Amino acid sequence: MTAATTKLADKLLSLPCEDRIYLVDKLLKSLNAPSKEEVDKAWAEESERRIDELESGKVQTIPGEQVFREIRKRLKK
């Protein structure tokens, strides 16, 4: 990172919260990042897909305790 970038970042961090939010939004849009609405829509679609899979029996749930037990087992190796 250049000194100019560091100096600019320091200056931007001193701005009020609303101004920083505005700048973050502009920067994300410049990177072609999905909008909040697009992200919300994608998660809603994914949630519906997962619910459909559960209700149709295509997938089965795993009890949480079993999941944690397997994770602990893997971490001990």
C-alpha atoms as a PDB file:
ATOM      1  CA  MET A   1       0.000   0.000   0.000  1.00  0.00           C
ATOM      2  CA  THR A   2       1.316   3.423  -0.874  1.00  0.00           C
ATOM      3  CA  ALA A   3       1.789   6.235   1.591  1.00  0.00           C
ATOM      4  CA  ALA A   4      -0.861   8.232  -0.261  1.00  0.00           C
ATOM      5  CA  THR A   5      -3.372   5.395   0.169  1.00  0.00           C
ATOM      6  CA  THR A   6      -2.595   5.120   3.870  1.00  0.00           C
ATOM      7  CA  LYS A   7      -2.983   8.874   4.295  1.00  0.00           C
ATOM      8  CA  LEU A   8      -6.286   8.829   2.399  1.00  0.00           C
ATOM      9  CA  ALA A   9      -7.567   5.902   4.475  1.00  0.00           C
ATOM     10  CA  ASP A  10      -6.728   7.723   7.704  1.00  0.00           C
ATOM     11  CA  LYS A  11      -8.546  10.818   6.478  1.00  0.00           C
ATOM     12  CA  LEU A  12     -11.598   8.821   5.370  1.00  0.00           C
ATOM     13  CA  LEU A  13     -11.803   7.013   8.709  1.00  0.00           C
ATOM     14  CA  SER A  14     -12.174  10.355  10.437  1.00  0.00           C
ATOM     15  CA  LEU A  15     -15.379  11.125   8.513  1.00  0.00           C
ATOM     16  CA  PRO A  16     -18.798  10.791  10.143  1.00  0.00           C
ATOM     17  CA  CYS A  17     -20.400   7.350   9.989  1.00  0.00           C
ATOM     18  CA  GLU A  18     -22.992   8.287   7.341  1.00  0.00           C
ATOM     19  CA  ASP A  19     -20.269   9.590   5.023  1.00  0.00           C
ATOM     20  CA  ARG A  20     -18.200   6.408   5.437  1.00  0.00           C
ATOM     21  CA  ILE A  21     -21.261   4.260   4.697  1.00  0.00           C
ATOM     22  CA  TYR A  22     -21.873   6.291   1.551  1.00  0.00           C
ATOM     23  CA  LEU A  23     -18.261   5.816   0.448  1.00  0.00           C
ATOM     24  CA  VAL A  24     -18.298   2.091   1.193  1.00  0.00           C
ATOM     25  CA  ASP A  25     -21.450   1.734  -0.892  1.00  0.00           C
ATOM     26  CA  LYS A  26     -19.884   3.637  -3.796  1.00  0.00           C
ATOM     27  CA  LEU A  27     -16.682   1.576  -3.612  1.00  0.00           C
ATOM     28  CA  LEU A  28     -18.561  -1.721  -3.530  1.00  0.00           C
ATOM     29  CA  LYS A  29     -20.666  -0.679  -6.519  1.00  0.00           C
ATOM     30  CA  SER A  30     -17.484   0.191  -8.396  1.00  0.00           C
ATOM     31  CA  LEU A  31     -16.333  -3.409  -7.862  1.00  0.00           C
ATOM     32  CA  ASN A  32     -19.585  -4.725  -9.342  1.00  0.00           C
ATOM     33  CA  ALA A  33     -20.492  -6.229  -5.984  1.00  0.00           C
ATOM     34  CA  PRO A  34     -24.102  -7.340  -5.676  1.00  0.00           C
ATOM     35  CA  SER A  35     -26.505  -4.918  -4.024  1.00  0.00           C
ATOM     36  CA  LYS A  36     -28.078  -5.645  -0.639  1.00  0.00           C
ATOM     37  CA  GLU A  37     -31.329  -6.395  -2.445  1.00  0.00           C
ATOM     38  CA  GLU A  38     -29.582  -8.907  -4.750  1.00  0.00           C
ATOM     39  CA  VAL A  39     -27.898 -10.588  -1.801  1.00  0.00           C
ATOM     40  CA  ASP A  40     -31.189 -10.742   0.121  1.00  0.00           C
ATOM     41  CA  LYS A  41     -32.955 -12.228  -2.921  1.00  0.00           C
ATOM     42  CA  ALA A  42     -30.220 -14.838  -3.408  1.00  0.00           C
ATOM     43  CA  TRP A  43     -30.406 -15.889   0.259  1.00  0.00           C
ATOM     44  CA  ALA A  44     -34.206 -16.086   0.108  1.00  0.00           C
ATOM     45  CA  GLU A  45     -33.978 -18.331  -2.968  1.00  0.00           C
ATOM     46  CA  GLU A  46     -31.329 -20.500  -1.308  1.00  0.00           C
ATOM     47  CA  SER A  47     -33.464 -20.787   1.838  1.00  0.00           C
ATOM     48  CA  GLU A  48     -36.481 -21.861  -0.208  1.00  0.00           C
ATOM     49  CA  ARG A  49     -34.380 -24.419  -2.092  1.00  0.00           C
ATOM     50  CA  ARG A  50     -33.087 -25.894   1.167  1.00  0.00           C
ATOM     51  CA  ILE A  51     -36.579 -26.032   2.678  1.00  0.00           C
ATOM     52  CA  ASP A  52     -37.847 -27.814  -0.443  1.00  0.00           C
ATOM     53  CA  GLU A  53     -35.006 -30.354  -0.188  1.00  0.00           C
ATOM     54  CA  LEU A  54     -35.822 -31.036   3.463  1.00  0.00           C
ATOM     55  CA  GLU A  55     -39.562 -31.341   2.884  1.00  0.00           C
ATOM     56  CA  SER A  56     -39.107 -33.649  -0.127  1.00  0.00           C
ATOM     57  CA  GLY A  57     -36.716 -35.908   1.805  1.00  0.00           C
ATOM     58  CA  LYS A  58     -33.898 -35.253  -0.675  1.00  0.00           C
ATOM     59  CA  VAL A  59     -31.634 -34.314   2.236  1.00  0.00           C
ATOM     60  CA  GLN A  60     -31.638 -35.262   5.886  1.00  0.00           C
ATOM     61  CA  THR A  61     -30.761 -33.134   8.872  1.00  0.00           C
ATOM     62  CA  ILE A  62     -27.921 -33.992  11.220  1.00  0.00           C
ATOM     63  CA  PRO A  63     -28.361 -33.314  14.944  1.00  0.00           C
ATOM     64  CA  GLY A  64     -26.231 -30.396  16.084  1.00  0.00           C
ATOM     65  CA  GLU A  65     -24.490 -32.406  18.805  1.00  0.00           C
ATOM     66  CA  GLN A  66     -23.346 -34.941  16.211  1.00  0.00           C
ATOM     67  CA  VAL A  67     -21.955 -32.171  14.019  1.00  0.00           C
ATOM     68  CA  PHE A  68     -20.012 -30.650  16.918  1.00  0.00           C
ATOM     69  CA  ARG A  69     -18.761 -34.075  18.010  1.00  0.00           C
ATOM     70  CA  GLU A  70     -17.369 -34.717  14.515  1.00  0.00           C
ATOM     71  CA  ILE A  71     -15.781 -31.268  14.360  1.00  0.00           C
ATOM     72  CA  ARG A  72     -14.090 -31.781  17.751  1.00  0.00           C
ATOM     73  CA  LYS A  73     -12.872 -35.186  16.568  1.00  0.00           C
ATOM     74  CA  ARG A  74     -11.358 -33.681  13.408  1.00  0.00           C
ATOM     75  CA  LEU A  75      -9.689 -30.849  15.309  1.00  0.00           C
ATOM     76  CA  LYS A  76      -7.961 -33.279  17.686  1.00  0.00           C
ATOM     77  CA  LYS A  77      -6.114 -34.965  14.801  1.00  0.00           C
END
